[in-house]
């Protein structure tokens, strides 16, 4: 269970580091924006590029959030499977311990249970 948590935490850390451009809220501008003419067509084109860049960043952020939600669901499922297997293994070990006990111990245990 600790390994799963460490893997999840590591993936979270890596994703946060690589998506730092989203958190800074900067627009990546090409050098031609500063040298562009002031005519409306070039201004509109540069605005379209900026909007497209923001939309792509938003799509990446949404995809990352979806991946995190899937990872959290997987960790929850793995935790439930771990609990189930632990309980089953514990019950199996108890049954095996009862079967391998001496015959006298079993008789004593049965008589104690019958007297109660």
Protein backbone atom coordinates (compact mmCIF):
# COMPACT_ATOMS: atom_id res chain seq x y z
CA UNK A 1 0.00 0.00 0.00
CA UNK A 2 2.91 2.32 0.74
CA UNK A 3 4.39 1.64 -2.71
CA UNK A 4 1.12 2.58 -4.37
CA UNK A 5 0.99 5.81 -2.39
CA UNK A 6 4.61 6.63 -3.21
CA UNK A 7 4.00 5.95 -6.92
CA UNK A 8 0.91 8.14 -6.86
CA UNK A 9 2.76 10.92 -5.04
CA UNK A 10 5.69 10.67 -7.47
CA UNK A 11 3.39 10.90 -10.48
CA UNK A 12 1.64 13.88 -8.90
CA UNK A 13 4.95 15.63 -8.30
CA UNK A 14 6.17 15.00 -11.85
CA UNK A 15 2.92 16.28 -13.35
CA UNK A 16 3.01 19.43 -11.24
CA UNK A 17 6.60 20.14 -12.25
CA UNK A 18 5.92 19.66 -15.98
CA UNK A 19 2.70 21.68 -15.95
CA UNK A 20 4.24 24.72 -14.29
CA UNK A 21 3.52 26.85 -17.37
CA UNK A 22 -0.19 26.53 -16.64
CA UNK A 23 0.22 27.81 -13.10
CA UNK A 24 2.21 30.88 -14.21
CA UNK A 25 -0.60 31.89 -16.57
CA UNK A 26 1.85 33.18 -19.18
CA UNK A 27 1.11 33.30 -22.86
CA UNK A 28 3.91 32.01 -25.02
CA UNK A 29 4.36 34.75 -27.57
CA UNK A 30 6.25 34.35 -30.75
CA UNK A 31 8.85 37.02 -31.57
CA UNK A 32 6.82 38.31 -34.51
CA UNK A 33 4.10 39.63 -32.15
CA UNK A 34 6.37 42.44 -31.02
CA UNK A 35 7.45 43.26 -34.58
CA UNK A 36 4.00 42.98 -36.12
CA UNK A 37 2.30 45.84 -37.81
CA UNK A 38 -0.59 47.61 -36.20
CA UNK A 39 -3.08 46.67 -38.92
CA UNK A 40 -6.20 44.88 -37.63
CA UNK A 41 -5.57 41.64 -39.54
CA UNK A 42 -2.21 40.98 -37.85
CA UNK A 43 -3.63 41.90 -34.44
CA UNK A 44 -6.56 39.52 -34.91
CA UNK A 45 -4.24 36.76 -36.07
CA UNK A 46 -1.98 37.17 -33.04
CA UNK A 47 -5.04 37.12 -30.76
CA UNK A 48 -6.24 33.91 -32.45
CA UNK A 49 -2.87 32.29 -31.82
CA UNK A 50 -2.95 33.36 -28.17
CA UNK A 51 -6.47 32.00 -27.74
CA UNK A 52 -5.49 28.74 -29.40
CA UNK A 53 -2.48 28.44 -27.08
CA UNK A 54 -4.67 29.02 -24.02
CA UNK A 55 -7.22 26.47 -25.23
CA UNK A 56 -4.47 23.88 -25.69
CA UNK A 57 -3.18 24.57 -22.17
CA UNK A 58 -6.72 24.21 -20.82
CA UNK A 59 -7.18 20.90 -22.62
CA UNK A 60 -3.89 19.61 -21.19
CA UNK A 61 -4.94 20.69 -17.69
CA UNK A 62 -8.31 18.94 -18.06
CA UNK A 63 -6.60 15.79 -19.30
CA UNK A 64 -4.19 15.91 -16.36
CA UNK A 65 -7.07 16.32 -13.90
CA UNK A 66 -8.87 13.37 -15.46
CA UNK A 67 -5.71 11.26 -15.18
CA UNK A 68 -5.40 12.19 -11.49
CA UNK A 69 -9.00 11.20 -10.86
CA UNK A 70 -8.35 7.86 -12.54
CA UNK A 71 -5.21 7.35 -10.46
CA UNK A 72 -7.13 8.10 -7.24
CA UNK A 73 -9.81 5.58 -8.23
CA UNK A 74 -7.12 3.00 -8.93
CA UNK A 75 -5.49 3.60 -5.54
CA UNK A 76 -8.87 3.17 -3.83
CA UNK A 77 -9.52 -0.08 -5.69
CA UNK A 78 -6.05 -1.39 -4.86
CA UNK A 79 -6.63 -0.54 -1.20
CA UNK A 80 -9.89 -2.51 -1.21
CA UNK A 81 -8.22 -5.47 -2.91
CA UNK A 82 -5.39 -5.33 -0.37
CA UNK A 83 -7.86 -5.36 2.53
CA UNK A 84 -9.81 -8.25 1.00
CA UNK A 85 -6.68 -10.34 0.39
CA UNK A 86 -5.37 -9.61 3.88
CA UNK A 87 -8.64 -10.75 5.48
CA UNK A 88 -8.77 -13.90 3.36
CA UNK A 89 -5.15 -14.75 4.08
CA UNK A 90 -5.67 -14.23 7.81
CA UNK A 91 -8.71 -16.53 7.80
CA UNK A 92 -6.82 -19.17 5.80
CA UNK A 93 -3.87 -19.07 8.19
CA UNK A 94 -6.22 -19.52 11.16
CA UNK A 95 -7.84 -22.54 9.52
CA UNK A 96 -4.46 -24.06 8.68
CA UNK A 97 -3.29 -23.49 12.25
CA UNK A 98 -6.36 -25.29 13.57
CA UNK A 99 -5.77 -28.23 11.22
CA UNK A 100 -2.11 -28.64 12.14
CA UNK A 101 -2.62 -28.56 15.92
CA UNK A 102 -2.18 -31.75 17.94
CA UNK A 103 -5.20 -33.96 18.44
CA UNK A 104 -5.18 -33.24 22.19
CA UNK A 105 -5.37 -29.51 21.63
CA UNK A 106 -8.35 -29.94 19.31
CA UNK A 107 -10.16 -32.12 21.85
CA UNK A 108 -9.46 -29.59 24.61
CA UNK A 109 -10.69 -26.75 22.40
CA UNK A 110 -13.89 -28.66 21.55
CA UNK A 111 -14.60 -29.47 25.18
CA UNK A 112 -14.00 -25.87 26.22
CA UNK A 113 -16.38 -24.65 23.49
CA UNK A 114 -19.00 -27.23 24.48
CA UNK A 115 -18.86 -26.18 28.15
CA UNK A 116 -19.36 -22.52 27.29
